[in-house]
Amino acid sequence: MAVHIPDETDRERINTIIFEELVNGVLAEESRLYFNTVIEKMKDRGCDGVVLGCTEIPLLVDPNDCPLPTLDSTRLLARAALREAMKEDPPSK
């Protein structure tokens, strides 16, 4: 498995969107399109999927119109926690 990250300029813009918009509840269409553009670049580099590794990113990125399949880290962690919580207790001795 190979891992690719966006270039520095894209990372800086993503950081700005997260901390100046998303954490303040601002969901700008321009920013959504920007994320899709960055994800399209990753697709062009040979990526098969994209990890949405910040809890705020899924507020903006729509898996239904994203250029690559998404892995939403928040949902994945929540599902894993739920599975763990639902495990039966071991028998008492």
N, C-alpha and C. Protein backbone atom coordinates (compact mmCIF):
# COMPACT_ATOMS: atom_id res chain seq x y z
N MET A 1 0.85 -1.17 0.00
CA MET A 1 0.00 0.00 0.00
C MET A 1 0.90 1.24 0.00
N ALA A 2 0.60 2.15 -0.88
CA ALA A 2 1.33 3.41 -0.93
C ALA A 2 0.45 4.53 -0.37
N VAL A 3 1.08 5.48 0.24
CA VAL A 3 0.36 6.62 0.82
C VAL A 3 0.84 7.89 0.14
N HIS A 4 -0.09 8.73 -0.25
CA HIS A 4 0.22 10.02 -0.85
C HIS A 4 -0.51 11.09 -0.06
N ILE A 5 0.13 12.23 0.10
CA ILE A 5 -0.52 13.36 0.75
C ILE A 5 -0.54 14.52 -0.24
N PRO A 6 -1.48 15.44 -0.04
CA PRO A 6 -1.51 16.62 -0.93
C PRO A 6 -0.22 17.43 -0.81
N ASP A 7 0.06 18.20 -1.86
CA ASP A 7 1.27 19.03 -1.82
C ASP A 7 1.11 20.13 -0.77
N GLU A 8 2.20 20.82 -0.50
CA GLU A 8 2.21 21.80 0.59
C GLU A 8 1.17 22.91 0.42
N THR A 9 1.03 23.42 -0.78
CA THR A 9 0.04 24.48 -1.03
C THR A 9 -1.37 24.00 -0.72
N ASP A 10 -1.69 22.78 -1.17
CA ASP A 10 -3.02 22.23 -0.89
C ASP A 10 -3.20 21.97 0.60
N ARG A 11 -2.17 21.47 1.27
CA ARG A 11 -2.28 21.23 2.71
C ARG A 11 -2.53 22.53 3.47
N GLU A 12 -1.87 23.60 3.07
CA GLU A 12 -2.07 24.90 3.73
C GLU A 12 -3.50 25.39 3.54
N ARG A 13 -4.03 25.26 2.32
CA ARG A 13 -5.41 25.69 2.05
C ARG A 13 -6.40 24.81 2.81
N ILE A 14 -6.15 23.50 2.84
CA ILE A 14 -7.02 22.59 3.60
C ILE A 14 -7.03 22.98 5.07
N ASN A 15 -5.85 23.27 5.63
CA ASN A 15 -5.76 23.69 7.02
C ASN A 15 -6.56 24.96 7.26
N THR A 16 -6.46 25.91 6.35
CA THR A 16 -7.21 27.15 6.47
C THR A 16 -8.71 26.88 6.45
N ILE A 17 -9.16 26.04 5.54
CA ILE A 17 -10.58 25.71 5.46
C ILE A 17 -11.05 25.06 6.76
N ILE A 18 -10.26 24.14 7.28
CA ILE A 18 -10.66 23.45 8.51
C ILE A 18 -10.76 24.44 9.67
N PHE A 19 -9.72 25.23 9.89
CA PHE A 19 -9.67 26.06 11.09
C PHE A 19 -10.34 27.41 10.99
N GLU A 20 -10.57 27.91 9.78
CA GLU A 20 -11.26 29.19 9.65
C GLU A 20 -12.72 29.03 9.23
N GLU A 21 -13.06 27.88 8.66
CA GLU A 21 -14.43 27.67 8.21
C GLU A 21 -15.12 26.55 8.98
N LEU A 22 -14.65 25.33 8.79
CA LEU A 22 -15.38 24.17 9.31
C LEU A 22 -15.57 24.19 10.82
N VAL A 23 -14.52 24.52 11.58
CA VAL A 23 -14.69 24.54 13.04
C VAL A 23 -15.65 25.63 13.49
N ASN A 24 -15.92 26.58 12.61
CA ASN A 24 -16.88 27.65 12.91
C ASN A 24 -18.23 27.40 12.25
N GLY A 25 -18.43 26.21 11.73
CA GLY A 25 -19.72 25.86 11.14
C GLY A 25 -19.96 26.42 9.76
N VAL A 26 -18.92 26.92 9.10
CA VAL A 26 -19.05 27.48 7.75
C VAL A 26 -18.80 26.37 6.74
N LEU A 27 -19.80 26.08 5.91
CA LEU A 27 -19.70 25.04 4.89
C LEU A 27 -19.84 25.70 3.52
N ALA A 28 -18.74 26.23 3.02
CA ALA A 28 -18.74 26.98 1.76
C ALA A 28 -18.65 26.04 0.56
N GLU A 29 -19.48 26.29 -0.42
CA GLU A 29 -19.46 25.49 -1.65
C GLU A 29 -18.09 25.56 -2.33
N GLU A 30 -17.49 26.72 -2.33
CA GLU A 30 -16.16 26.88 -2.93
C GLU A 30 -15.15 25.95 -2.27
N SER A 31 -15.24 25.80 -0.95
CA SER A 31 -14.32 24.93 -0.22
C SER A 31 -14.61 23.46 -0.53
N ARG A 32 -15.87 23.11 -0.65
CA ARG A 32 -16.23 21.74 -1.01
C ARG A 32 -15.64 21.38 -2.37
N LEU A 33 -15.77 22.29 -3.31
CA LEU A 33 -15.23 22.07 -4.64
C LEU A 33 -13.70 21.99 -4.60
N TYR A 34 -13.08 22.79 -3.75
CA TYR A 34 -11.63 22.75 -3.61
C TYR A 34 -11.18 21.37 -3.13
N PHE A 35 -11.86 20.85 -2.11
CA PHE A 35 -11.52 19.51 -1.63
C PHE A 35 -11.63 18.50 -2.75
N ASN A 36 -12.70 18.57 -3.53
CA ASN A 36 -12.87 17.64 -4.65
C ASN A 36 -11.75 17.79 -5.68
N THR A 37 -11.29 19.01 -5.89
CA THR A 37 -10.18 19.24 -6.82
C THR A 37 -8.90 18.58 -6.29
N VAL A 38 -8.63 18.73 -5.01
CA VAL A 38 -7.45 18.12 -4.41
C VAL A 38 -7.57 16.59 -4.49
N ILE A 39 -8.74 16.07 -4.22
CA ILE A 39 -8.95 14.62 -4.28
C ILE A 39 -8.80 14.12 -5.71
N GLU A 40 -9.24 14.92 -6.67
CA GLU A 40 -9.06 14.55 -8.09
C GLU A 40 -7.57 14.47 -8.42
N LYS A 41 -6.77 15.40 -7.89
CA LYS A 41 -5.31 15.35 -8.09
C LYS A 41 -4.74 14.05 -7.52
N MET A 42 -5.25 13.63 -6.36
CA MET A 42 -4.79 12.39 -5.76
C MET A 42 -5.17 11.19 -6.63
N LYS A 43 -6.33 11.26 -7.21
CA LYS A 43 -6.77 10.20 -8.13
C LYS A 43 -5.84 10.14 -9.33
N ASP A 44 -5.48 11.31 -9.86
CA ASP A 44 -4.56 11.37 -11.00
C ASP A 44 -3.18 10.82 -10.65
N ARG A 45 -2.82 10.85 -9.37
CA ARG A 45 -1.54 10.32 -8.91
C ARG A 45 -1.62 8.81 -8.65
N GLY A 46 -2.80 8.23 -8.89
CA GLY A 46 -2.94 6.79 -8.74
C GLY A 46 -3.61 6.32 -7.47
N CYS A 47 -4.13 7.22 -6.68
CA CYS A 47 -4.80 6.82 -5.44
C CYS A 47 -6.13 6.15 -5.75
N ASP A 48 -6.46 5.16 -4.94
CA ASP A 48 -7.72 4.42 -5.09
C ASP A 48 -8.79 4.87 -4.10
N GLY A 49 -8.40 5.64 -3.10
CA GLY A 49 -9.33 6.11 -2.08
C GLY A 49 -8.70 7.25 -1.33
N VAL A 50 -9.50 7.89 -0.49
CA VAL A 50 -9.01 9.03 0.28
C VAL A 50 -9.48 8.90 1.73
N VAL A 51 -8.55 9.11 2.65
CA VAL A 51 -8.87 9.10 4.08
C VAL A 51 -9.24 10.51 4.49
N LEU A 52 -10.41 10.66 5.05
CA LEU A 52 -10.84 11.95 5.60
C LEU A 52 -10.41 11.93 7.06
N GLY A 53 -9.15 12.31 7.28
CA GLY A 53 -8.50 12.10 8.57
C GLY A 53 -8.74 13.17 9.61
N CYS A 54 -9.53 14.15 9.34
CA CYS A 54 -9.89 15.19 10.31
C CYS A 54 -11.39 15.11 10.52
N THR A 55 -11.82 15.20 11.75
CA THR A 55 -13.24 15.01 12.05
C THR A 55 -14.16 16.00 11.36
N GLU A 56 -13.65 17.16 10.98
CA GLU A 56 -14.49 18.16 10.34
C GLU A 56 -14.65 17.96 8.83
N ILE A 57 -13.70 17.30 8.19
CA ILE A 57 -13.73 17.16 6.72
C ILE A 57 -15.00 16.49 6.21
N PRO A 58 -15.52 15.44 6.87
CA PRO A 58 -16.75 14.83 6.36
C PRO A 58 -17.96 15.76 6.37
N LEU A 59 -17.88 16.87 7.09
CA LEU A 59 -18.96 17.85 7.04
C LEU A 59 -19.04 18.50 5.67
N LEU A 60 -17.93 18.49 4.95
CA LEU A 60 -17.83 19.19 3.68
C LEU A 60 -17.77 18.24 2.49
N VAL A 61 -17.05 17.15 2.63
CA VAL A 61 -16.85 16.22 1.52
C VAL A 61 -18.03 15.25 1.46
N ASP A 62 -18.70 15.22 0.34
CA ASP A 62 -19.84 14.34 0.12
C ASP A 62 -19.37 13.11 -0.65
N PRO A 63 -19.43 11.92 -0.03
CA PRO A 63 -18.96 10.72 -0.72
C PRO A 63 -19.68 10.46 -2.05
N ASN A 64 -20.88 11.01 -2.19
CA ASN A 64 -21.65 10.78 -3.42
C ASN A 64 -21.15 11.58 -4.62
N ASP A 65 -20.37 12.63 -4.38
CA ASP A 65 -19.84 13.39 -5.52
C ASP A 65 -18.32 13.55 -5.44
N CYS A 66 -17.70 12.75 -4.59
CA CYS A 66 -16.25 12.80 -4.42
C CYS A 66 -15.59 11.96 -5.52
N PRO A 67 -14.47 12.43 -6.07
CA PRO A 67 -13.79 11.70 -7.15
C PRO A 67 -13.25 10.32 -6.75
N LEU A 68 -13.06 10.08 -5.44
CA LEU A 68 -12.55 8.79 -4.97
C LEU A 68 -13.43 8.29 -3.83
N PRO A 69 -13.44 6.98 -3.60
CA PRO A 69 -14.11 6.47 -2.41
C PRO A 69 -13.47 7.08 -1.16
N THR A 70 -14.29 7.33 -0.15
CA THR A 70 -13.80 7.98 1.07
C THR A 70 -13.78 7.00 2.24
N LEU A 71 -12.83 7.22 3.12
CA LEU A 71 -12.75 6.53 4.40
C LEU A 71 -12.87 7.61 5.46
N ASP A 72 -14.02 7.67 6.09
CA ASP A 72 -14.32 8.68 7.10
C ASP A 72 -13.80 8.17 8.44
N SER A 73 -12.69 8.74 8.90
CA SER A 73 -12.05 8.25 10.13
C SER A 73 -12.98 8.36 11.33
N THR A 74 -13.81 9.36 11.39
CA THR A 74 -14.73 9.52 12.52
C THR A 74 -15.72 8.37 12.57
N ARG A 75 -16.33 8.06 11.43
CA ARG A 75 -17.30 6.95 11.38
C ARG A 75 -16.62 5.61 11.64
N LEU A 76 -15.44 5.41 11.07
CA LEU A 76 -14.73 4.15 11.28
C LEU A 76 -14.39 3.94 12.75
N LEU A 77 -13.91 4.99 13.42
CA LEU A 77 -13.59 4.88 14.84
C LEU A 77 -14.84 4.67 15.68
N ALA A 78 -15.92 5.36 15.34
CA ALA A 78 -17.17 5.19 16.08
C ALA A 78 -17.70 3.76 15.92
N ARG A 79 -17.65 3.22 14.73
CA ARG A 79 -18.11 1.84 14.51
C ARG A 79 -17.25 0.85 15.28
N ALA A 80 -15.93 1.06 15.27
CA ALA A 80 -15.04 0.17 16.01
C ALA A 80 -15.32 0.25 17.51
N ALA A 81 -15.57 1.45 18.02
CA ALA A 81 -15.89 1.61 19.45
C ALA A 81 -17.21 0.92 19.78
N LEU A 82 -18.17 1.04 18.91
CA LEU A 82 -19.47 0.39 19.13
C LEU A 82 -19.32 -1.13 19.14
N ARG A 83 -18.56 -1.66 18.17
CA ARG A 83 -18.33 -3.11 18.13
C ARG A 83 -17.68 -3.58 19.43
N GLU A 84 -16.70 -2.82 19.89
CA GLU A 84 -16.00 -3.17 21.13
C GLU A 84 -16.96 -3.12 22.32
N ALA A 85 -17.79 -2.10 22.37
CA ALA A 85 -18.73 -1.94 23.48
C ALA A 85 -19.80 -3.03 23.47
N MET A 86 -20.11 -3.57 22.31
CA MET A 86 -21.17 -4.58 22.20
C MET A 86 -20.67 -6.00 22.46
N LYS A 87 -19.36 -6.18 22.62
CA LYS A 87 -18.83 -7.51 22.91
C LYS A 87 -19.39 -8.00 24.23
N GLU A 88 -19.65 -9.29 24.28
CA GLU A 88 -20.14 -9.87 25.53
C GLU A 88 -19.01 -9.91 26.54
N ASP A 89 -19.37 -9.74 27.81
CA ASP A 89 -18.39 -9.86 28.88
C ASP A 89 -17.95 -11.31 29.00
N PRO A 90 -16.69 -11.54 29.31
CA PRO A 90 -16.25 -12.92 29.50
C PRO A 90 -16.95 -13.52 30.72
N PRO A 91 -17.12 -14.84 30.74
CA PRO A 91 -17.78 -15.48 31.89
C PRO A 91 -17.03 -15.20 33.18
N SER A 92 -17.77 -15.02 34.26
CA SER A 92 -17.14 -14.78 35.57
C SER A 92 -16.58 -16.08 36.11
N LYS A 93 -15.53 -15.97 36.89
CA LYS A 93 -14.91 -17.17 37.47
C LYS A 93 -15.48 -17.45 38.82
